[in-house]
PDB file of all heavy atoms in Angstrom:
ATOM      1  N   SER A   1      12.066  59.396 -18.802  1.00  0.00           N
ATOM      2  CA  SER A   1      10.808  60.114 -18.330  1.00  0.00           C
ATOM      3  C   SER A   1      11.063  61.442 -17.774  1.00  0.00           C
ATOM      4  O   SER A   1      12.223  61.603 -17.155  1.00  0.00           O
ATOM      5  CB  SER A   1       9.974  59.217 -17.418  1.00  0.00           C
ATOM      6  OG  SER A   1      10.685  59.200 -16.139  1.00  0.00           O
ATOM      7  N   PRO A   2      10.125  62.312 -17.888  1.00  0.00           N
ATOM      8  CA  PRO A   2      10.459  63.737 -17.258  1.00  0.00           C
ATOM      9  C   PRO A   2      10.607  63.619 -15.705  1.00  0.00           C
ATOM     10  O   PRO A   2      11.407  64.321 -15.212  1.00  0.00           O
ATOM     11  CB  PRO A   2       9.072  64.500 -17.586  1.00  0.00           C
ATOM     12  CG  PRO A   2       8.582  63.814 -18.832  1.00  0.00           C
ATOM     13  CD  PRO A   2       8.890  62.416 -18.686  1.00  0.00           C
ATOM     14  N   LEU A   3       9.876  62.744 -15.067  1.00  0.00           N
ATOM     15  CA  LEU A   3      10.108  62.567 -13.696  1.00  0.00           C
ATOM     16  C   LEU A   3      11.543  62.170 -13.292  1.00  0.00           C
ATOM     17  O   LEU A   3      12.155  62.777 -12.384  1.00  0.00           O
ATOM     18  CB  LEU A   3       9.098  61.501 -13.084  1.00  0.00           C
ATOM     19  CG  LEU A   3       9.211  61.234 -11.510  1.00  0.00           C
ATOM     20  CD1 LEU A   3       9.003  62.432 -10.788  1.00  0.00           C
ATOM     21  CD2 LEU A   3       8.258  60.015 -11.242  1.00  0.00           C
ATOM     22  N   VAL A   4      12.123  61.192 -13.969  1.00  0.00           N
ATOM     23  CA  VAL A   4      13.518  60.735 -13.715  1.00  0.00           C
ATOM     24  C   VAL A   4      14.474  61.924 -13.992  1.00  0.00           C
ATOM     25  O   VAL A   4      15.413  62.209 -13.184  1.00  0.00           O
ATOM     26  CB  VAL A   4      13.858  59.546 -14.586  1.00  0.00           C
ATOM     27  CG1 VAL A   4      15.258  59.221 -14.357  1.00  0.00           C
ATOM     28  CG2 VAL A   4      13.041  58.392 -14.136  1.00  0.00           C
ATOM     29  N   GLU A   5      14.326  62.611 -15.122  1.00  0.00           N
ATOM     30  CA  GLU A   5      15.238  63.674 -15.574  1.00  0.00           C
ATOM     31  C   GLU A   5      15.159  64.870 -14.549  1.00  0.00           C
ATOM     32  O   GLU A   5      16.190  65.382 -14.125  1.00  0.00           O
ATOM     33  CB  GLU A   5      14.948  64.145 -16.881  1.00  0.00           C
ATOM     34  CG  GLU A   5      15.134  63.183 -17.996  1.00  0.00           C
ATOM     35  CD  GLU A   5      16.668  62.916 -18.178  1.00  0.00           C
ATOM     36  OE1 GLU A   5      17.496  63.742 -17.698  1.00  0.00           O
ATOM     37  OE2 GLU A   5      16.989  61.968 -18.818  1.00  0.00           O
ATOM     38  N   LEU A   6      13.984  65.213 -14.127  1.00  0.00           N
ATOM     39  CA  LEU A   6      13.788  66.432 -13.142  1.00  0.00           C
ATOM     40  C   LEU A   6      14.323  65.965 -11.789  1.00  0.00           C
ATOM     41  O   LEU A   6      15.008  66.742 -11.116  1.00  0.00           O
ATOM     42  CB  LEU A   6      12.329  66.683 -12.999  1.00  0.00           C
ATOM     43  CG  LEU A   6      11.661  67.347 -14.256  1.00  0.00           C
ATOM     44  CD1 LEU A   6      10.168  67.359 -14.193  1.00  0.00           C
ATOM     45  CD2 LEU A   6      12.309  68.762 -14.401  1.00  0.00           C
ATOM     46  N   THR A   7      14.157  64.705 -11.422  1.00  0.00           N
ATOM     47  CA  THR A   7      14.718  64.266 -10.115  1.00  0.00           C
ATOM     48  C   THR A   7      16.306  64.291 -10.135  1.00  0.00           C
ATOM     49  O   THR A   7      16.872  64.763  -9.245  1.00  0.00           O
ATOM     50  CB  THR A   7      14.209  62.905  -9.706  1.00  0.00           C
ATOM     51  OG1 THR A   7      12.747  62.925  -9.690  1.00  0.00           O
ATOM     52  CG2 THR A   7      14.749  62.391  -8.397  1.00  0.00           C
ATOM     53  N   LEU A   8      16.873  63.746 -11.213  1.00  0.00           N
ATOM     54  CA  LEU A   8      18.244  63.788 -11.398  1.00  0.00           C
ATOM     55  C   LEU A   8      18.844  65.245 -11.366  1.00  0.00           C
ATOM     56  O   LEU A   8      19.878  65.543 -10.811  1.00  0.00           O
ATOM     57  CB  LEU A   8      18.670  63.180 -12.652  1.00  0.00           C
ATOM     58  CG  LEU A   8      18.430  61.547 -12.648  1.00  0.00           C
ATOM     59  CD1 LEU A   8      18.809  61.000 -14.093  1.00  0.00           C
ATOM     60  CD2 LEU A   8      19.354  60.915 -11.539  1.00  0.00           C
ATOM     61  N   ALA A   9      18.046  66.170 -12.044  1.00  0.00           N
ATOM     62  CA  ALA A   9      18.493  67.504 -12.047  1.00  0.00           C
ATOM     63  C   ALA A   9      18.502  68.190 -10.602  1.00  0.00           C
ATOM     64  O   ALA A   9      19.502  68.876 -10.339  1.00  0.00           O
ATOM     65  CB  ALA A   9      17.587  68.353 -12.991  1.00  0.00           C
ATOM     66  N   ARG A  10      17.385  67.850  -9.931  1.00  0.00           N
ATOM     67  CA  ARG A  10      17.442  68.304  -8.508  1.00  0.00           C
ATOM     68  C   ARG A  10      18.502  67.824  -7.680  1.00  0.00           C
ATOM     69  O   ARG A  10      19.115  68.491  -6.927  1.00  0.00           O
ATOM     70  CB  ARG A  10      16.054  68.026  -7.786  1.00  0.00           C
ATOM     71  CG  ARG A  10      14.918  68.735  -8.476  1.00  0.00           C
ATOM     72  CD  ARG A  10      14.875  70.202  -8.140  1.00  0.00           C
ATOM     73  NE  ARG A  10      14.981  70.487  -6.635  1.00  0.00           N
ATOM     74  CZ  ARG A  10      15.511  71.451  -6.047  1.00  0.00           C
ATOM     75  NH1 ARG A  10      16.099  72.395  -6.733  1.00  0.00           N
ATOM     76  NH2 ARG A  10      15.561  71.599  -4.771  1.00  0.00           N
ATOM     77  N   CYS A  11      18.838  66.552  -7.870  1.00  0.00           N
ATOM     78  CA  CYS A  11      19.948  65.943  -7.095  1.00  0.00           C
ATOM     79  C   CYS A  11      21.372  66.502  -7.425  1.00  0.00           C
ATOM     80  O   CYS A  11      22.209  66.755  -6.558  1.00  0.00           O
ATOM     81  CB  CYS A  11      20.000  64.321  -7.331  1.00  0.00           C
ATOM     82  SG  CYS A  11      18.570  63.451  -6.672  1.00  0.00           S
ATOM     83  N   ARG A  12      21.491  66.819  -8.769  1.00  0.00           N
ATOM     84  CA  ARG A  12      22.719  67.466  -9.204  1.00  0.00           C
ATOM     85  C   ARG A  12      22.910  68.877  -8.574  1.00  0.00           C
ATOM     86  O   ARG A  12      24.019  69.212  -8.201  1.00  0.00           O
ATOM     87  CB  ARG A  12      22.859  67.440 -10.710  1.00  0.00           C
ATOM     88  CG  ARG A  12      22.913  66.146 -11.431  1.00  0.00           C
ATOM     89  CD  ARG A  12      23.166  66.302 -12.910  1.00  0.00           C
ATOM     90  NE  ARG A  12      23.028  65.029 -13.606  1.00  0.00           N
ATOM     91  CZ  ARG A  12      22.000  64.728 -14.371  1.00  0.00           C
ATOM     92  NH1 ARG A  12      20.896  65.595 -14.414  1.00  0.00           N
ATOM     93  NH2 ARG A  12      21.883  63.536 -14.975  1.00  0.00           N
ATOM     94  N   GLU A  13      21.853  69.560  -8.526  1.00  0.00           N
ATOM     95  CA  GLU A  13      21.861  70.885  -8.000  1.00  0.00           C
ATOM     96  C   GLU A  13      22.275  70.873  -6.528  1.00  0.00           C
ATOM     97  O   GLU A  13      22.998  71.663  -6.016  1.00  0.00           O
ATOM     98  CB  GLU A  13      20.433  71.603  -8.044  1.00  0.00           C
ATOM     99  CG  GLU A  13      20.067  72.025  -9.462  1.00  0.00           C
ATOM    100  CD  GLU A  13      18.667  72.606  -9.497  1.00  0.00           C
ATOM    101  OE1 GLU A  13      18.190  72.960  -8.447  1.00  0.00           O
ATOM    102  OE2 GLU A  13      18.175  72.834 -10.612  1.00  0.00           O
ATOM    103  N   PHE A  14      21.700  69.902  -5.747  1.00  0.00           N
ATOM    104  CA  PHE A  14      22.040  69.676  -4.372  1.00  0.00           C
ATOM    105  C   PHE A  14      23.533  69.323  -4.181  1.00  0.00           C
ATOM    106  O   PHE A  14      24.155  69.958  -3.328  1.00  0.00           O
ATOM    107  CB  PHE A  14      21.207  68.615  -3.712  1.00  0.00           C
ATOM    108  CG  PHE A  14      21.358  68.337  -2.324  1.00  0.00           C
ATOM    109  CD1 PHE A  14      20.874  69.155  -1.318  1.00  0.00           C
ATOM    110  CD2 PHE A  14      22.252  67.392  -1.877  1.00  0.00           C
ATOM    111  CE1 PHE A  14      21.090  68.946   0.061  1.00  0.00           C
ATOM    112  CE2 PHE A  14      22.590  67.074  -0.576  1.00  0.00           C
ATOM    113  CZ  PHE A  14      21.943  67.913   0.427  1.00  0.00           C
ATOM    114  N   ILE A  15      24.021  68.387  -4.916  1.00  0.00           N
ATOM    115  CA  ILE A  15      25.349  67.928  -4.792  1.00  0.00           C
ATOM    116  C   ILE A  15      26.388  69.016  -5.045  1.00  0.00           C
ATOM    117  O   ILE A  15      27.522  69.040  -4.491  1.00  0.00           O
ATOM    118  CB  ILE A  15      25.614  66.663  -5.673  1.00  0.00           C
ATOM    119  CG1 ILE A  15      24.773  65.388  -5.236  1.00  0.00           C
ATOM    120  CG2 ILE A  15      27.029  66.295  -5.740  1.00  0.00           C
ATOM    121  CD1 ILE A  15      24.895  64.267  -6.115  1.00  0.00           C
ATOM    122  N   ARG A  16      26.031  69.942  -5.993  1.00  0.00           N
ATOM    123  CA  ARG A  16      26.912  70.979  -6.362  1.00  0.00           C
ATOM    124  C   ARG A  16      26.927  72.176  -5.296  1.00  0.00           C
ATOM    125  O   ARG A  16      27.663  73.127  -5.520  1.00  0.00           O
ATOM    126  CB  ARG A  16      26.570  71.493  -7.741  1.00  0.00           C
ATOM    127  CG  ARG A  16      26.847  70.467  -8.795  1.00  0.00           C
ATOM    128  CD  ARG A  16      26.221  70.904 -10.151  1.00  0.00           C
ATOM    129  NE  ARG A  16      26.388  69.968 -11.192  1.00  0.00           N
ATOM    130  CZ  ARG A  16      25.795  69.881 -12.315  1.00  0.00           C
ATOM    131  NH1 ARG A  16      24.890  70.913 -12.561  1.00  0.00           N
ATOM    132  NH2 ARG A  16      25.908  69.006 -13.239  1.00  0.00           N
ATOM    133  N   GLU A  17      26.204  71.973  -4.293  1.00  0.00           N
ATOM    134  CA  GLU A  17      26.173  73.069  -3.267  1.00  0.00           C
ATOM    135  C   GLU A  17      26.828  72.526  -1.933  1.00  0.00           C
ATOM    136  O   GLU A  17      26.202  71.829  -1.182  1.00  0.00           O
ATOM    137  CB  GLU A  17      24.656  73.519  -2.898  1.00  0.00           C
ATOM    138  CG  GLU A  17      24.004  74.187  -4.018  1.00  0.00           C
ATOM    139  CD  GLU A  17      24.574  75.564  -4.301  1.00  0.00           C
ATOM    140  OE1 GLU A  17      25.180  76.114  -3.259  1.00  0.00           O
ATOM    141  OE2 GLU A  17      24.380  76.113  -5.370  1.00  0.00           O
ATOM    142  N   PRO A  18      28.074  72.918  -1.731  1.00  0.00           N
ATOM    143  CA  PRO A  18      28.762  72.431  -0.437  1.00  0.00           C
ATOM    144  C   PRO A  18      28.090  72.899   0.808  1.00  0.00           C
ATOM    145  O   PRO A  18      28.111  72.160   1.789  1.00  0.00           O
ATOM    146  CB  PRO A  18      30.174  73.016  -0.642  1.00  0.00           C
ATOM    147  CG  PRO A  18      30.301  73.282  -2.093  1.00  0.00           C
ATOM    148  CD  PRO A  18      28.929  73.675  -2.578  1.00  0.00           C
ATOM    149  N   ASP A  19      27.468  74.039   0.800  1.00  0.00           N
ATOM    150  CA  ASP A  19      26.862  74.568   1.993  1.00  0.00           C
ATOM    151  C   ASP A  19      25.592  73.576   2.312  1.00  0.00           C
ATOM    152  O   ASP A  19      25.395  73.375   3.529  1.00  0.00           O
ATOM    153  CB  ASP A  19      26.304  75.927   1.779  1.00  0.00           C
ATOM    154  CG  ASP A  19      27.524  76.944   1.658  1.00  0.00           C
ATOM    155  OD1 ASP A  19      28.587  76.569   1.992  1.00  0.00           O
ATOM    156  OD2 ASP A  19      27.297  78.164   1.286  1.00  0.00           O
ATOM    157  N   ALA A  20      24.869  73.213   1.226  1.00  0.00           N
ATOM    158  CA  ALA A  20      23.684  72.446   1.459  1.00  0.00           C
ATOM    159  C   ALA A  20      24.135  71.095   2.173  1.00  0.00           C
ATOM    160  O   ALA A  20      23.430  70.608   2.919  1.00  0.00           O
ATOM    161  CB  ALA A  20      22.891  72.229   0.218  1.00  0.00           C
ATOM    162  N   ILE A  21      25.214  70.418   1.605  1.00  0.00           N
ATOM    163  CA  ILE A  21      25.713  69.159   2.048  1.00  0.00           C
ATOM    164  C   ILE A  21      26.042  69.270   3.502  1.00  0.00           C
ATOM    165  O   ILE A  21      25.796  68.424   4.273  1.00  0.00           O
ATOM    166  CB  ILE A  21      26.830  68.696   1.243  1.00  0.00           C
ATOM    167  CG1 ILE A  21      26.332  68.419  -0.203  1.00  0.00           C
ATOM    168  CG2 ILE A  21      27.580  67.444   1.792  1.00  0.00           C
ATOM    169  CD1 ILE A  21      27.455  68.041  -1.211  1.00  0.00           C
ATOM    170  N   PHE A  22      26.760  70.372   3.873  1.00  0.00           N
ATOM    171  CA  PHE A  22      27.168  70.630   5.194  1.00  0.00           C
ATOM    172  C   PHE A  22      26.048  70.655   6.205  1.00  0.00           C
ATOM    173  O   PHE A  22      25.957  69.919   7.186  1.00  0.00           O
ATOM    174  CB  PHE A  22      27.944  71.883   5.286  1.00  0.00           C
ATOM    175  CG  PHE A  22      28.330  72.256   6.854  1.00  0.00           C
ATOM    176  CD1 PHE A  22      29.326  71.626   7.518  1.00  0.00           C
ATOM    177  CD2 PHE A  22      27.552  73.171   7.530  1.00  0.00           C
ATOM    178  CE1 PHE A  22      29.688  71.914   8.854  1.00  0.00           C
ATOM    179  CE2 PHE A  22      27.802  73.543   8.752  1.00  0.00           C
ATOM    180  CZ  PHE A  22      28.834  72.855   9.401  1.00  0.00           C
ATOM    181  N   TRP A  23      24.949  71.476   5.871  1.00  0.00           N
ATOM    182  CA  TRP A  23      23.924  71.617   6.776  1.00  0.00           C
ATOM    183  C   TRP A  23      22.985  70.400   6.845  1.00  0.00           C
ATOM    184  O   TRP A  23      22.331  70.123   7.858  1.00  0.00           O
ATOM    185  CB  TRP A  23      22.975  72.842   6.367  1.00  0.00           C
ATOM    186  CG  TRP A  23      23.737  74.224   6.529  1.00  0.00           C
ATOM    187  CD1 TRP A  23      24.201  75.036   5.698  1.00  0.00           C
ATOM    188  CD2 TRP A  23      23.935  74.785   7.886  1.00  0.00           C
ATOM    189  NE1 TRP A  23      24.868  76.094   6.221  1.00  0.00           N
ATOM    190  CE2 TRP A  23      24.706  75.986   7.606  1.00  0.00           C
ATOM    191  CE3 TRP A  23      23.721  74.417   9.211  1.00  0.00           C
ATOM    192  CZ2 TRP A  23      25.078  76.746   8.663  1.00  0.00           C
ATOM    193  CZ3 TRP A  23      24.063  75.151  10.267  1.00  0.00           C
ATOM    194  CH2 TRP A  23      24.732  76.361  10.006  1.00  0.00           C
ATOM    195  N   VAL A  24      22.900  69.628   5.777  1.00  0.00           N
ATOM    196  CA  VAL A  24      22.045  68.349   5.820  1.00  0.00           C
ATOM    197  C   VAL A  24      22.774  67.267   6.488  1.00  0.00           C
ATOM    198  O   VAL A  24      22.118  66.541   7.237  1.00  0.00           O
ATOM    199  CB  VAL A  24      21.611  68.059   4.320  1.00  0.00           C
ATOM    200  CG1 VAL A  24      20.971  66.700   4.235  1.00  0.00           C
ATOM    201  CG2 VAL A  24      20.720  69.129   3.849  1.00  0.00           C
ATOM    202  N   TYR A  25      24.060  67.013   6.220  1.00  0.00           N
ATOM    203  CA  TYR A  25      24.673  65.772   6.596  1.00  0.00           C
ATOM    204  C   TYR A  25      25.659  66.048   7.772  1.00  0.00           C
ATOM    205  O   TYR A  25      25.830  65.183   8.578  1.00  0.00           O
ATOM    206  CB  TYR A  25      25.445  65.218   5.511  1.00  0.00           C
ATOM    207  CG  TYR A  25      24.424  64.561   4.423  1.00  0.00           C
ATOM    208  CD1 TYR A  25      24.419  65.135   3.198  1.00  0.00           C
ATOM    209  CD2 TYR A  25      23.712  63.452   4.684  1.00  0.00           C
ATOM    210  CE1 TYR A  25      23.520  64.642   2.248  1.00  0.00           C
ATOM    211  CE2 TYR A  25      22.863  62.973   3.757  1.00  0.00           C
ATOM    212  CZ  TYR A  25      22.765  63.542   2.531  1.00  0.00           C
ATOM    213  OH  TYR A  25      21.965  63.063   1.573  1.00  0.00           O
ATOM    214  N   VAL A  26      26.390  67.170   7.800  1.00  0.00           N
ATOM    215  CA  VAL A  26      27.433  67.315   8.744  1.00  0.00           C
ATOM    216  C   VAL A  26      27.014  68.019  10.076  1.00  0.00           C
ATOM    217  O   VAL A  26      27.317  67.658  11.207  1.00  0.00           O
ATOM    218  CB  VAL A  26      28.683  68.145   8.128  1.00  0.00           C
ATOM    219  CG1 VAL A  26      29.791  68.309   9.170  1.00  0.00           C
ATOM    220  CG2 VAL A  26      29.181  67.431   6.980  1.00  0.00           C
ATOM    221  N   PHE A  27      26.118  69.072   9.864  1.00  0.00           N
ATOM    222  CA  PHE A  27      25.727  69.827  11.063  1.00  0.00           C
ATOM    223  C   PHE A  27      24.932  68.945  11.970  1.00  0.00           C
ATOM    224  O   PHE A  27      25.187  69.133  13.273  1.00  0.00           O
ATOM    225  CB  PHE A  27      24.858  71.089  10.593  1.00  0.00           C
ATOM    226  CG  PHE A  27      24.296  71.869  11.681  1.00  0.00           C
ATOM    227  CD1 PHE A  27      25.102  72.631  12.538  1.00  0.00           C
ATOM    228  CD2 PHE A  27      22.912  71.791  12.005  1.00  0.00           C
ATOM    229  CE1 PHE A  27      24.617  73.461  13.579  1.00  0.00           C
ATOM    230  CE2 PHE A  27      22.444  72.510  13.110  1.00  0.00           C
ATOM    231  CZ  PHE A  27      23.359  73.256  13.875  1.00  0.00           C
ATOM    232  N   PRO A  28      23.951  68.102  11.571  1.00  0.00           N
ATOM    233  CA  PRO A  28      23.355  67.212  12.564  1.00  0.00           C
ATOM    234  C   PRO A  28      24.266  66.413  13.412  1.00  0.00           C
ATOM    235  O   PRO A  28      24.003  66.149  14.620  1.00  0.00           O
ATOM    236  CB  PRO A  28      22.388  66.398  11.707  1.00  0.00           C
ATOM    237  CG  PRO A  28      22.198  67.246  10.452  1.00  0.00           C
ATOM    238  CD  PRO A  28      23.472  67.938  10.320  1.00  0.00           C
ATOM    239  N   LEU A  29      25.366  65.925  12.818  1.00  0.00           N
ATOM    240  CA  LEU A  29      26.372  65.131  13.560  1.00  0.00           C
ATOM    241  C   LEU A  29      27.011  66.005  14.649  1.00  0.00           C
ATOM    242  O   LEU A  29      27.265  65.490  15.795  1.00  0.00           O
ATOM    243  CB  LEU A  29      27.390  64.544  12.656  1.00  0.00           C
ATOM    244  CG  LEU A  29      26.792  63.662  11.541  1.00  0.00           C
ATOM    245  CD1 LEU A  29      27.964  62.953  10.743  1.00  0.00           C
ATOM    246  CD2 LEU A  29      25.868  62.557  12.027  1.00  0.00           C
ATOM    247  N   PHE A  30      27.348  67.302  14.340  1.00  0.00           N
ATOM    248  CA  PHE A  30      27.996  68.202  15.277  1.00  0.00           C
ATOM    249  C   PHE A  30      27.022  68.423  16.516  1.00  0.00           C
ATOM    250  O   PHE A  30      27.366  68.496  17.569  1.00  0.00           O
ATOM    251  CB  PHE A  30      28.390  69.474  14.647  1.00  0.00           C
ATOM    252  CG  PHE A  30      29.682  69.462  13.925  1.00  0.00           C
ATOM    253  CD1 PHE A  30      29.769  69.687  12.501  1.00  0.00           C
ATOM    254  CD2 PHE A  30      30.878  69.154  14.622  1.00  0.00           C
ATOM    255  CE1 PHE A  30      30.950  69.626  11.918  1.00  0.00           C
ATOM    256  CE2 PHE A  30      32.091  69.041  13.934  1.00  0.00           C
ATOM    257  CZ  PHE A  30      32.157  69.321  12.553  1.00  0.00           C
ATOM    258  N   LEU A  31      25.653  68.510  16.098  1.00  0.00           N
ATOM    259  CA  LEU A  31      24.651  68.768  17.080  1.00  0.00           C
ATOM    260  C   LEU A  31      24.537  67.587  18.006  1.00  0.00           C
ATOM    261  O   LEU A  31      24.461  67.706  19.218  1.00  0.00           O
ATOM    262  CB  LEU A  31      23.332  69.053  16.411  1.00  0.00           C
ATOM    263  CG  LEU A  31      22.254  69.652  17.184  1.00  0.00           C
ATOM    264  CD1 LEU A  31      22.658  70.999  17.766  1.00  0.00           C
ATOM    265  CD2 LEU A  31      20.946  69.821  16.365  1.00  0.00           C
ATOM    266  N   VAL A  32      24.635  66.330  17.477  1.00  0.00           N
ATOM    267  CA  VAL A  32      24.475  65.184  18.254  1.00  0.00           C
ATOM    268  C   VAL A  32      25.750  65.079  19.197  1.00  0.00           C
ATOM    269  O   VAL A  32      25.639  64.791  20.384  1.00  0.00           O
ATOM    270  CB  VAL A  32      24.418  63.951  17.392  1.00  0.00           C
ATOM    271  CG1 VAL A  32      24.612  62.635  18.212  1.00  0.00           C
ATOM    272  CG2 VAL A  32      23.038  63.881  16.701  1.00  0.00           C
ATOM    273  N   LEU A  33      26.881  65.410  18.645  1.00  0.00           N
ATOM    274  CA  LEU A  33      28.163  65.294  19.425  1.00  0.00           C
ATOM    275  C   LEU A  33      28.188  66.257  20.582  1.00  0.00           C
ATOM    276  O   LEU A  33      28.433  65.992  21.705  1.00  0.00           O
ATOM    277  CB  LEU A  33      29.293  65.603  18.502  1.00  0.00           C
ATOM    278  CG  LEU A  33      30.727  65.511  19.034  1.00  0.00           C
ATOM    279  CD1 LEU A  33      30.954  64.045  19.617  1.00  0.00           C
ATOM    280  CD2 LEU A  33      31.758  65.924  18.107  1.00  0.00           C
ATOM    281  N   ALA A  34      27.762  67.576  20.263  1.00  0.00           N
ATOM    282  CA  ALA A  34      27.755  68.568  21.333  1.00  0.00           C
ATOM    283  C   ALA A  34      26.800  68.280  22.365  1.00  0.00           C
ATOM    284  O   ALA A  34      27.151  68.324  23.611  1.00  0.00           O
ATOM    285  CB  ALA A  34      27.606  69.935  20.678  1.00  0.00           C
ATOM    286  N   LEU A  35      25.588  67.943  22.031  1.00  0.00           N
ATOM    287  CA  LEU A  35      24.574  67.739  23.079  1.00  0.00           C
ATOM    288  C   LEU A  35      24.715  66.425  23.728  1.00  0.00           C
ATOM    289  O   LEU A  35      24.517  66.220  24.991  1.00  0.00           O
ATOM    290  CB  LEU A  35      23.167  67.755  22.376  1.00  0.00           C
ATOM    291  CG  LEU A  35      22.591  69.079  21.833  1.00  0.00           C
ATOM    292  CD1 LEU A  35      21.335  68.901  21.142  1.00  0.00           C
ATOM    293  CD2 LEU A  35      22.548  70.099  22.909  1.00  0.00           C
ATOM    294  N   GLY A  36      25.284  65.394  23.038  1.00  0.00           N
ATOM    295  CA  GLY A  36      25.566  64.096  23.675  1.00  0.00           C
ATOM    296  C   GLY A  36      26.685  64.384  24.771  1.00  0.00           C
ATOM    297  O   GLY A  36      26.527  63.680  25.892  1.00  0.00           O
ATOM    298  N   ILE A  37      27.678  65.073  24.436  1.00  0.00           N
ATOM    299  CA  ILE A  37      28.777  65.295  25.351  1.00  0.00           C
ATOM    300  C   ILE A  37      28.335  66.092  26.574  1.00  0.00           C
ATOM    301  O   ILE A  37      28.596  65.867  27.777  1.00  0.00           O
ATOM    302  CB  ILE A  37      30.079  65.958  24.721  1.00  0.00           C
ATOM    303  CG1 ILE A  37      30.557  64.902  23.791  1.00  0.00           C
ATOM    304  CG2 ILE A  37      31.067  66.336  25.721  1.00  0.00           C
ATOM    305  CD1 ILE A  37      31.807  65.513  22.913  1.00  0.00           C
ATOM    306  N   ALA A  38      27.410  67.058  26.239  1.00  0.00           N
ATOM    307  CA  ALA A  38      26.948  67.943  27.298  1.00  0.00           C
ATOM    308  C   ALA A  38      26.085  67.281  28.233  1.00  0.00           C
ATOM    309  O   ALA A  38      26.061  67.615  29.588  1.00  0.00           O
ATOM    310  CB  ALA A  38      26.194  69.146  26.724  1.00  0.00           C
ATOM    311  N   PHE A  39      25.286  66.265  27.853  1.00  0.00           N
ATOM    312  CA  PHE A  39      24.377  65.645  28.809  1.00  0.00           C
ATOM    313  C   PHE A  39      24.766  64.164  29.084  1.00  0.00           C
ATOM    314  O   PHE A  39      23.947  63.404  29.607  1.00  0.00           O
ATOM    315  CB  PHE A  39      22.963  65.683  28.209  1.00  0.00           C
ATOM    316  CG  PHE A  39      22.386  67.101  28.115  1.00  0.00           C
ATOM    317  CD1 PHE A  39      22.443  67.784  26.981  1.00  0.00           C
ATOM    318  CD2 PHE A  39      21.862  67.671  29.197  1.00  0.00           C
ATOM    319  CE1 PHE A  39      21.949  69.078  26.905  1.00  0.00           C
ATOM    320  CE2 PHE A  39      21.345  68.897  29.165  1.00  0.00           C
ATOM    321  CZ  PHE A  39      21.377  69.622  27.944  1.00  0.00           C
TER     322      PHE A  39
END
């Protein structure tokens, strides 16, 4: 179905962007670590 194909295409675009993966998954963890240690 077009919905499945378009969704898969969007997922592939995201996975192929290392910067996007960093800001979505890694940066929040650094933020938790920094603020958690600070307080």
